[in-house]
């Protein structure tokens, strides 16, 4: 196997293993799927260009660091609208129309409340709740202590309770 083939295989493995997590991470930060796609592509392009300098053991944290830096460089502040697809709402069911309407309204209020959480706190919250990452994994990715991740999660949950209660 040539060096070029080894590089291609290595890159394909890293890409396949981490693409979705990096894209989700940027999406959680930005709330913009198109931007998440673009920045994720930039992250992997940069990885390819720097492949000779990358340590296999730290590639995951390296990718998240690049993604975070690219996002904050690209985006200072923007109104966020997360467009989660809620299967309960989209799937046909036998619930009453009133229940479905209430569920849609709650989903909108929840999305709005999540969008109002500060960027870093929102990203940590979504990595925990959507990607089901552990606090230590999040701490590594975000370059924070476990205690800082716990504080961000506590803050996110407190803000969500306040905002959702206020909107109900």
N, C-alpha and C. Protein backbone atom coordinates (compact mmCIF):
# COMPACT_ATOMS: atom_id res chain seq x y z
N UNK A 1 0.85 -1.17 0.00
CA UNK A 1 0.00 0.00 0.00
C UNK A 1 0.90 1.25 0.00
N UNK A 2 0.60 2.17 -0.88
CA UNK A 2 1.41 3.39 -0.99
C UNK A 2 1.05 4.36 0.13
N UNK A 3 1.90 5.35 0.32
CA UNK A 3 1.65 6.38 1.33
C UNK A 3 0.36 7.14 1.02
N UNK A 4 0.12 7.39 -0.25
CA UNK A 4 -1.11 8.10 -0.64
C UNK A 4 -2.35 7.28 -0.30
N UNK A 5 -2.29 5.97 -0.53
CA UNK A 5 -3.42 5.10 -0.20
C UNK A 5 -3.65 5.05 1.31
N UNK A 6 -2.55 5.01 2.08
CA UNK A 6 -2.67 5.03 3.55
C UNK A 6 -3.32 6.33 4.01
N UNK A 7 -2.88 7.46 3.43
CA UNK A 7 -3.47 8.76 3.77
C UNK A 7 -4.96 8.78 3.44
N UNK A 8 -5.30 8.28 2.27
CA UNK A 8 -6.71 8.26 1.85
C UNK A 8 -7.55 7.38 2.78
N UNK A 9 -7.03 6.20 3.13
CA UNK A 9 -7.75 5.31 4.04
C UNK A 9 -7.90 5.93 5.42
N UNK A 10 -6.83 6.52 5.93
CA UNK A 10 -6.88 7.17 7.24
C UNK A 10 -7.93 8.28 7.24
N UNK A 11 -7.88 9.12 6.21
CA UNK A 11 -8.82 10.24 6.13
C UNK A 11 -10.26 9.73 6.05
N UNK A 12 -10.50 8.71 5.24
CA UNK A 12 -11.85 8.16 5.09
C UNK A 12 -12.36 7.63 6.42
N UNK A 13 -11.50 6.94 7.17
CA UNK A 13 -11.90 6.41 8.48
C UNK A 13 -12.23 7.53 9.45
N UNK A 14 -11.38 8.55 9.50
CA UNK A 14 -11.62 9.68 10.40
C UNK A 14 -12.90 10.40 9.99
N UNK A 15 -13.05 10.63 8.70
CA UNK A 15 -14.24 11.32 8.19
C UNK A 15 -15.50 10.54 8.55
N UNK A 16 -15.53 9.25 8.25
CA UNK A 16 -16.71 8.42 8.52
C UNK A 16 -17.03 8.38 10.02
N UNK A 17 -16.02 8.35 10.83
CA UNK A 17 -16.22 8.23 12.28
C UNK A 17 -16.68 9.54 12.92
N UNK A 18 -16.21 10.69 12.43
CA UNK A 18 -16.43 11.95 13.13
C UNK A 18 -17.28 12.98 12.40
N UNK A 19 -17.59 12.75 11.14
CA UNK A 19 -18.31 13.78 10.37
C UNK A 19 -19.62 14.20 11.04
N UNK A 20 -20.45 13.23 11.38
CA UNK A 20 -21.77 13.53 11.94
C UNK A 20 -21.65 14.31 13.25
N UNK A 21 -20.74 13.92 14.11
CA UNK A 21 -20.58 14.60 15.40
C UNK A 21 -20.11 16.04 15.21
N UNK A 22 -19.19 16.25 14.28
CA UNK A 22 -18.68 17.61 14.02
C UNK A 22 -19.79 18.47 13.42
N UNK A 23 -20.52 17.92 12.48
CA UNK A 23 -21.62 18.67 11.86
C UNK A 23 -22.68 19.03 12.90
N UNK A 24 -23.05 18.08 13.74
CA UNK A 24 -24.03 18.36 14.80
C UNK A 24 -23.52 19.43 15.74
N UNK A 25 -22.25 19.34 16.10
CA UNK A 25 -21.65 20.32 17.01
C UNK A 25 -21.76 21.73 16.44
N UNK A 26 -21.40 21.90 15.18
CA UNK A 26 -21.48 23.23 14.55
C UNK A 26 -22.94 23.66 14.43
N UNK A 27 -23.82 22.71 14.15
CA UNK A 27 -25.25 23.03 14.08
C UNK A 27 -25.77 23.49 15.43
N UNK A 28 -25.34 22.82 16.49
CA UNK A 28 -25.77 23.22 17.83
C UNK A 28 -25.29 24.61 18.17
N UNK A 29 -24.09 24.93 17.74
CA UNK A 29 -23.56 26.27 17.98
C UNK A 29 -24.31 27.32 17.18
N UNK A 30 -24.58 27.02 15.92
CA UNK A 30 -25.10 28.03 15.00
C UNK A 30 -26.60 28.01 14.80
N UNK A 31 -27.21 26.84 14.88
CA UNK A 31 -28.62 26.73 14.56
C UNK A 31 -28.89 26.81 13.07
N UNK A 32 -27.84 26.75 12.26
CA UNK A 32 -27.95 26.91 10.81
C UNK A 32 -27.34 25.69 10.14
N UNK A 33 -28.19 24.87 9.54
CA UNK A 33 -27.74 23.62 8.94
C UNK A 33 -26.80 23.86 7.76
N UNK A 34 -27.10 24.86 6.96
CA UNK A 34 -26.25 25.17 5.81
C UNK A 34 -24.86 25.61 6.27
N UNK A 35 -24.82 26.46 7.28
CA UNK A 35 -23.53 26.89 7.84
C UNK A 35 -22.80 25.69 8.44
N UNK A 36 -23.52 24.82 9.12
CA UNK A 36 -22.91 23.63 9.72
C UNK A 36 -22.27 22.76 8.63
N UNK A 37 -22.97 22.59 7.52
CA UNK A 37 -22.41 21.81 6.41
C UNK A 37 -21.14 22.46 5.87
N UNK A 38 -21.20 23.78 5.65
CA UNK A 38 -20.05 24.51 5.10
C UNK A 38 -18.84 24.45 6.02
N UNK A 39 -19.07 24.74 7.30
CA UNK A 39 -17.94 24.76 8.24
C UNK A 39 -17.38 23.37 8.48
N UNK A 40 -18.23 22.36 8.47
CA UNK A 40 -17.75 20.99 8.63
C UNK A 40 -16.88 20.60 7.45
N UNK A 41 -17.29 21.01 6.27
CA UNK A 41 -16.47 20.76 5.08
C UNK A 41 -15.11 21.46 5.22
N UNK A 42 -15.12 22.70 5.71
CA UNK A 42 -13.86 23.43 5.94
C UNK A 42 -12.98 22.71 6.95
N UNK A 43 -13.60 22.19 8.01
CA UNK A 43 -12.84 21.49 9.05
C UNK A 43 -12.12 20.28 8.45
N UNK A 44 -12.82 19.50 7.65
CA UNK A 44 -12.20 18.30 7.07
C UNK A 44 -11.20 18.63 5.97
N UNK A 45 -11.42 19.72 5.28
CA UNK A 45 -10.44 20.18 4.30
C UNK A 45 -9.15 20.57 5.02
N UNK A 46 -9.29 21.29 6.12
CA UNK A 46 -8.13 21.67 6.92
C UNK A 46 -7.42 20.43 7.47
N UNK A 47 -8.21 19.46 7.93
CA UNK A 47 -7.64 18.20 8.43
C UNK A 47 -6.81 17.53 7.33
N UNK A 48 -7.34 17.49 6.12
CA UNK A 48 -6.61 16.87 5.01
C UNK A 48 -5.29 17.60 4.77
N UNK A 49 -5.33 18.92 4.78
CA UNK A 49 -4.13 19.71 4.53
C UNK A 49 -3.08 19.53 5.64
N UNK A 50 -3.53 19.26 6.85
CA UNK A 50 -2.64 19.13 8.00
C UNK A 50 -2.44 17.67 8.42
N UNK A 51 -2.83 16.72 7.58
CA UNK A 51 -2.86 15.30 7.97
C UNK A 51 -1.52 14.76 8.45
N UNK A 52 -0.43 15.30 7.95
CA UNK A 52 0.89 14.79 8.36
C UNK A 52 1.26 15.21 9.77
N UNK A 53 0.57 16.21 10.30
CA UNK A 53 0.88 16.74 11.63
C UNK A 53 -0.07 16.22 12.71
N UNK A 54 -1.03 15.40 12.32
CA UNK A 54 -2.10 14.98 13.23
C UNK A 54 -1.73 13.69 13.95
N UNK A 55 -2.00 13.68 15.24
CA UNK A 55 -1.81 12.50 16.07
C UNK A 55 -3.15 11.75 16.12
N UNK A 56 -3.15 10.47 15.80
CA UNK A 56 -4.39 9.69 15.78
C UNK A 56 -5.13 9.71 17.12
N UNK A 57 -4.39 9.78 18.21
CA UNK A 57 -5.01 9.73 19.53
C UNK A 57 -5.77 11.01 19.87
N UNK A 58 -5.41 12.11 19.23
CA UNK A 58 -6.05 13.39 19.56
C UNK A 58 -6.88 13.95 18.41
N UNK A 59 -7.11 13.16 17.38
CA UNK A 59 -7.80 13.67 16.20
C UNK A 59 -9.21 14.16 16.52
N UNK A 60 -9.92 13.47 17.40
CA UNK A 60 -11.30 13.88 17.72
C UNK A 60 -11.32 15.25 18.37
N UNK A 61 -10.53 15.45 19.40
CA UNK A 61 -10.52 16.76 20.06
C UNK A 61 -9.98 17.84 19.13
N UNK A 62 -9.05 17.47 18.28
CA UNK A 62 -8.50 18.40 17.29
C UNK A 62 -9.61 18.87 16.34
N UNK A 63 -10.44 17.94 15.87
CA UNK A 63 -11.54 18.29 14.97
C UNK A 63 -12.54 19.22 15.65
N UNK A 64 -12.90 18.91 16.89
CA UNK A 64 -13.85 19.76 17.60
C UNK A 64 -13.26 21.16 17.85
N UNK A 65 -11.98 21.22 18.15
CA UNK A 65 -11.33 22.51 18.36
C UNK A 65 -11.33 23.33 17.08
N UNK A 66 -11.00 22.70 15.97
CA UNK A 66 -11.03 23.40 14.68
C UNK A 66 -12.45 23.90 14.40
N UNK A 67 -13.43 23.04 14.61
CA UNK A 67 -14.83 23.40 14.33
C UNK A 67 -15.26 24.58 15.19
N UNK A 68 -14.93 24.52 16.47
CA UNK A 68 -15.30 25.61 17.38
C UNK A 68 -14.65 26.91 16.94
N UNK A 69 -13.37 26.87 16.63
CA UNK A 69 -12.65 28.07 16.20
C UNK A 69 -13.20 28.61 14.89
N UNK A 70 -13.50 27.74 13.96
CA UNK A 70 -14.06 28.18 12.67
C UNK A 70 -15.41 28.85 12.87
N UNK A 71 -16.23 28.25 13.74
CA UNK A 71 -17.55 28.84 13.98
C UNK A 71 -17.41 30.23 14.60
N UNK A 72 -16.62 30.35 15.66
CA UNK A 72 -16.52 31.64 16.34
C UNK A 72 -15.83 32.68 15.47
N UNK A 73 -14.97 32.24 14.59
CA UNK A 73 -14.33 33.16 13.66
C UNK A 73 -15.36 33.65 12.63
N UNK A 74 -16.17 32.74 12.16
CA UNK A 74 -17.14 33.05 11.11
C UNK A 74 -18.35 33.83 11.64
N UNK A 75 -18.73 33.52 12.82
CA UNK A 75 -20.02 33.98 13.33
C UNK A 75 -19.87 34.70 14.67
N UNK A 76 -20.13 35.97 14.72
CA UNK A 76 -20.03 36.68 15.99
C UNK A 76 -21.30 36.48 16.81
N UNK A 77 -22.41 36.89 16.28
CA UNK A 77 -23.68 36.72 17.00
C UNK A 77 -24.81 36.74 16.00
N UNK A 78 -25.78 35.89 16.17
CA UNK A 78 -26.90 35.83 15.25
C UNK A 78 -28.10 35.24 15.98
N UNK A 79 -29.27 35.63 15.56
CA UNK A 79 -30.47 35.04 16.12
C UNK A 79 -30.53 33.59 15.68
N UNK A 80 -30.83 32.74 16.61
CA UNK A 80 -30.78 31.31 16.38
C UNK A 80 -32.20 30.74 16.29
N UNK A 81 -32.36 29.86 15.36
CA UNK A 81 -33.61 29.10 15.27
C UNK A 81 -33.23 27.66 14.98
N UNK A 82 -33.37 26.82 15.97
CA UNK A 82 -33.07 25.40 15.76
C UNK A 82 -34.28 24.73 15.14
N UNK A 83 -34.06 24.01 14.11
CA UNK A 83 -35.15 23.36 13.40
C UNK A 83 -35.10 21.86 13.62
N UNK A 84 -35.38 21.44 14.84
CA UNK A 84 -35.40 20.01 15.13
C UNK A 84 -36.63 19.38 14.50
N UNK A 85 -36.45 18.18 14.03
CA UNK A 85 -37.59 17.45 13.50
C UNK A 85 -38.13 16.62 14.65
N UNK A 86 -39.35 16.87 15.00
CA UNK A 86 -39.97 16.16 16.12
C UNK A 86 -40.83 15.04 15.55
N UNK A 87 -40.38 13.81 15.72
CA UNK A 87 -41.10 12.67 15.16
C UNK A 87 -42.53 12.58 15.67
N UNK A 88 -42.72 12.94 16.94
CA UNK A 88 -44.08 12.87 17.48
C UNK A 88 -45.03 13.76 16.72
N UNK A 89 -44.55 14.89 16.28
CA UNK A 89 -45.41 15.84 15.57
C UNK A 89 -45.63 15.39 14.14
N UNK A 90 -44.61 14.86 13.51
CA UNK A 90 -44.69 14.52 12.09
C UNK A 90 -45.31 13.16 11.81
N UNK A 91 -45.31 12.29 12.79
CA UNK A 91 -45.88 10.97 12.56
C UNK A 91 -47.39 11.01 12.74
N UNK A 92 -48.11 10.34 11.86
CA UNK A 92 -49.55 10.28 12.07
C UNK A 92 -49.85 9.48 13.34
N UNK A 93 -50.83 9.95 14.07
CA UNK A 93 -51.18 9.23 15.29
C UNK A 93 -52.69 9.36 15.52
N UNK A 94 -53.11 8.80 16.58
CA UNK A 94 -54.54 8.78 16.86
C UNK A 94 -54.89 9.72 18.00
N UNK A 95 -54.02 10.68 18.28
CA UNK A 95 -54.28 11.64 19.33
C UNK A 95 -55.28 12.68 18.84
N UNK A 96 -55.90 13.35 19.77
CA UNK A 96 -56.87 14.37 19.40
C UNK A 96 -56.16 15.55 18.74
N UNK A 97 -56.85 16.29 17.89
CA UNK A 97 -56.24 17.47 17.26
C UNK A 97 -55.75 18.49 18.29
N UNK A 98 -56.46 18.60 19.40
CA UNK A 98 -56.05 19.53 20.45
C UNK A 98 -54.69 19.13 21.04
N UNK A 99 -54.52 17.82 21.26
CA UNK A 99 -53.25 17.33 21.79
C UNK A 99 -52.11 17.61 20.82
N UNK A 100 -52.34 17.36 19.55
CA UNK A 100 -51.31 17.59 18.53
C UNK A 100 -50.97 19.07 18.48
N UNK A 101 -51.97 19.94 18.54
CA UNK A 101 -51.74 21.38 18.53
C UNK A 101 -50.93 21.81 19.75
N UNK A 102 -51.30 21.30 20.92
CA UNK A 102 -50.55 21.63 22.14
C UNK A 102 -49.10 21.15 22.04
N UNK A 103 -48.91 19.98 21.48
CA UNK A 103 -47.57 19.43 21.32
C UNK A 103 -46.74 20.31 20.39
N UNK A 104 -47.33 20.75 19.28
CA UNK A 104 -46.63 21.64 18.35
C UNK A 104 -46.28 22.97 19.02
N UNK A 105 -47.22 23.52 19.77
CA UNK A 105 -46.97 24.78 20.46
C UNK A 105 -45.85 24.63 21.49
N UNK A 106 -45.87 23.53 22.23
CA UNK A 106 -44.81 23.30 23.21
C UNK A 106 -43.47 23.15 22.52
N UNK A 107 -43.44 22.42 21.40
CA UNK A 107 -42.20 22.24 20.65
C UNK A 107 -41.65 23.59 20.19
N UNK A 108 -42.52 24.46 19.69
CA UNK A 108 -42.07 25.79 19.26
C UNK A 108 -41.51 26.59 20.43
N UNK A 109 -42.18 26.53 21.57
CA UNK A 109 -41.72 27.25 22.76
C UNK A 109 -40.39 26.70 23.25
N UNK A 110 -40.25 25.39 23.21
CA UNK A 110 -39.00 24.77 23.63
C UNK A 110 -37.86 25.15 22.69
N UNK A 111 -38.10 25.10 21.38
CA UNK A 111 -37.07 25.49 20.42
C UNK A 111 -36.67 26.94 20.61
N UNK A 112 -37.65 27.78 20.83
CA UNK A 112 -37.38 29.20 21.05
C UNK A 112 -36.55 29.39 22.32
N UNK A 113 -36.90 28.67 23.37
CA UNK A 113 -36.15 28.77 24.63
C UNK A 113 -34.72 28.27 24.45
N UNK A 114 -34.53 27.18 23.73
CA UNK A 114 -33.19 26.65 23.48
C UNK A 114 -32.37 27.65 22.68
N UNK A 115 -33.01 28.29 21.70
CA UNK A 115 -32.31 29.27 20.86
C UNK A 115 -31.84 30.48 21.66
N UNK A 116 -32.51 30.78 22.76
CA UNK A 116 -32.15 31.94 23.57
C UNK A 116 -31.02 31.66 24.56
N UNK A 117 -30.65 30.41 24.73
CA UNK A 117 -29.56 30.07 25.64
C UNK A 117 -28.25 30.55 25.01
N UNK A 118 -27.32 31.09 25.80
CA UNK A 118 -26.03 31.52 25.25
C UNK A 118 -25.34 30.39 24.48
N UNK A 119 -24.57 30.77 23.45
CA UNK A 119 -23.98 29.81 22.50
C UNK A 119 -23.29 28.63 23.16
N UNK A 120 -22.33 28.90 24.02
CA UNK A 120 -21.53 27.81 24.60
C UNK A 120 -22.40 26.90 25.46
N UNK A 121 -23.28 27.50 26.26
CA UNK A 121 -24.16 26.73 27.12
C UNK A 121 -25.12 25.88 26.29
N UNK A 122 -25.64 26.45 25.20
CA UNK A 122 -26.55 25.71 24.32
C UNK A 122 -25.82 24.53 23.68
N UNK A 123 -24.61 24.75 23.21
CA UNK A 123 -23.86 23.67 22.57
C UNK A 123 -23.61 22.54 23.56
N UNK A 124 -23.24 22.87 24.78
CA UNK A 124 -22.99 21.85 25.81
C UNK A 124 -24.28 21.10 26.12
N UNK A 125 -25.38 21.82 26.27
CA UNK A 125 -26.67 21.20 26.55
C UNK A 125 -27.05 20.22 25.44
N UNK A 126 -26.93 20.64 24.19
CA UNK A 126 -27.33 19.79 23.07
C UNK A 126 -26.39 18.60 22.87
N UNK A 127 -25.10 18.78 23.14
CA UNK A 127 -24.19 17.64 23.06
C UNK A 127 -24.57 16.59 24.09
N UNK A 128 -24.99 17.05 25.27
CA UNK A 128 -25.37 16.12 26.32
C UNK A 128 -26.71 15.45 26.01
N UNK A 129 -27.69 16.24 25.66
CA UNK A 129 -29.05 15.71 25.51
C UNK A 129 -29.34 15.08 24.14
N UNK A 130 -28.76 15.62 23.08
CA UNK A 130 -29.04 15.09 21.75
C UNK A 130 -28.00 14.04 21.35
N UNK A 131 -26.72 14.38 21.49
CA UNK A 131 -25.66 13.44 21.11
C UNK A 131 -25.34 12.45 22.22
N UNK A 132 -25.89 12.67 23.39
CA UNK A 132 -25.69 11.81 24.56
C UNK A 132 -24.22 11.63 24.90
N UNK A 133 -23.48 12.72 24.80
CA UNK A 133 -22.07 12.71 25.19
C UNK A 133 -21.99 12.84 26.71
N UNK A 134 -20.98 12.23 27.30
CA UNK A 134 -20.77 12.36 28.73
C UNK A 134 -20.16 13.73 29.02
N UNK A 135 -20.23 14.14 30.28
CA UNK A 135 -19.66 15.43 30.67
C UNK A 135 -18.16 15.46 30.39
N UNK A 136 -17.48 14.34 30.61
CA UNK A 136 -16.03 14.33 30.36
C UNK A 136 -15.72 14.43 28.87
N UNK A 137 -16.54 13.82 28.01
CA UNK A 137 -16.35 13.96 26.57
C UNK A 137 -16.58 15.41 26.14
N UNK A 138 -17.62 16.02 26.68
CA UNK A 138 -17.92 17.42 26.37
C UNK A 138 -16.78 18.31 26.86
N UNK A 139 -16.29 18.03 28.05
CA UNK A 139 -15.19 18.82 28.61
C UNK A 139 -13.96 18.76 27.71
N UNK A 140 -13.66 17.60 27.18
CA UNK A 140 -12.52 17.45 26.28
C UNK A 140 -12.74 18.25 25.00
N UNK A 141 -13.91 18.11 24.41
CA UNK A 141 -14.22 18.80 23.16
C UNK A 141 -14.20 20.31 23.34
N UNK A 142 -14.80 20.78 24.42
CA UNK A 142 -14.93 22.23 24.64
C UNK A 142 -13.73 22.82 25.38
N UNK A 143 -12.79 21.96 25.75
CA UNK A 143 -11.60 22.38 26.48
C UNK A 143 -11.98 23.11 27.78
N UNK A 144 -12.84 22.43 28.55
CA UNK A 144 -13.31 22.93 29.83
C UNK A 144 -13.11 21.84 30.88
N UNK A 145 -13.25 22.21 32.13
CA UNK A 145 -13.22 21.21 33.19
C UNK A 145 -14.60 20.55 33.28
N UNK A 146 -14.64 19.38 33.90
CA UNK A 146 -15.93 18.71 34.10
C UNK A 146 -16.87 19.59 34.92
N UNK A 147 -16.31 20.28 35.89
CA UNK A 147 -17.12 21.16 36.75
C UNK A 147 -17.74 22.29 35.92
N UNK A 148 -16.99 22.83 34.98
CA UNK A 148 -17.52 23.90 34.12
C UNK A 148 -18.67 23.37 33.26
N UNK A 149 -18.53 22.15 32.76
CA UNK A 149 -19.60 21.53 31.97
C UNK A 149 -20.84 21.36 32.84
N UNK A 150 -20.65 20.89 34.07
CA UNK A 150 -21.78 20.74 35.00
C UNK A 150 -22.47 22.08 35.23
N UNK A 151 -21.70 23.14 35.40
CA UNK A 151 -22.28 24.47 35.62
C UNK A 151 -23.06 24.94 34.40
N UNK A 152 -22.52 24.70 33.20
CA UNK A 152 -23.24 25.08 31.98
C UNK A 152 -24.54 24.29 31.85
N UNK A 153 -24.51 23.00 32.19
CA UNK A 153 -25.73 22.19 32.11
C UNK A 153 -26.76 22.68 33.12
N UNK A 154 -26.31 22.98 34.31
CA UNK A 154 -27.21 23.50 35.33
C UNK A 154 -27.83 24.82 34.88
N UNK A 155 -27.00 25.68 34.31
CA UNK A 155 -27.47 26.97 33.80
C UNK A 155 -28.48 26.77 32.67
N UNK A 156 -28.19 25.85 31.75
CA UNK A 156 -29.09 25.59 30.62
C UNK A 156 -30.45 25.09 31.11
N UNK A 157 -30.43 24.15 32.03
CA UNK A 157 -31.68 23.60 32.55
C UNK A 157 -32.48 24.66 33.30
N UNK A 158 -31.79 25.48 34.07
CA UNK A 158 -32.46 26.56 34.80
C UNK A 158 -33.09 27.56 33.83
N UNK A 159 -32.34 27.96 32.81
CA UNK A 159 -32.87 28.90 31.82
C UNK A 159 -34.05 28.31 31.06
N UNK A 160 -33.95 27.04 30.70
CA UNK A 160 -35.07 26.40 30.00
C UNK A 160 -36.32 26.35 30.86
N UNK A 161 -36.15 25.99 32.13
CA UNK A 161 -37.31 25.96 33.02
C UNK A 161 -37.97 27.34 33.09
N UNK A 162 -37.15 28.37 33.28
CA UNK A 162 -37.68 29.73 33.38
C UNK A 162 -38.37 30.15 32.10
N UNK A 163 -37.72 29.95 30.97
CA UNK A 163 -38.25 30.42 29.69
C UNK A 163 -39.49 29.64 29.26
N UNK A 164 -39.48 28.34 29.45
CA UNK A 164 -40.64 27.53 29.05
C UNK A 164 -41.81 27.81 29.98
N UNK A 165 -41.56 27.92 31.29
CA UNK A 165 -42.63 28.23 32.23
C UNK A 165 -43.25 29.59 31.92
N UNK A 166 -42.39 30.56 31.58
CA UNK A 166 -42.87 31.91 31.28
C UNK A 166 -43.74 31.91 30.02
N UNK A 167 -43.38 31.08 29.05
CA UNK A 167 -44.09 31.05 27.77
C UNK A 167 -45.37 30.21 27.84
N UNK A 168 -45.48 29.37 28.86
CA UNK A 168 -46.69 28.54 28.98
C UNK A 168 -47.73 29.33 29.65
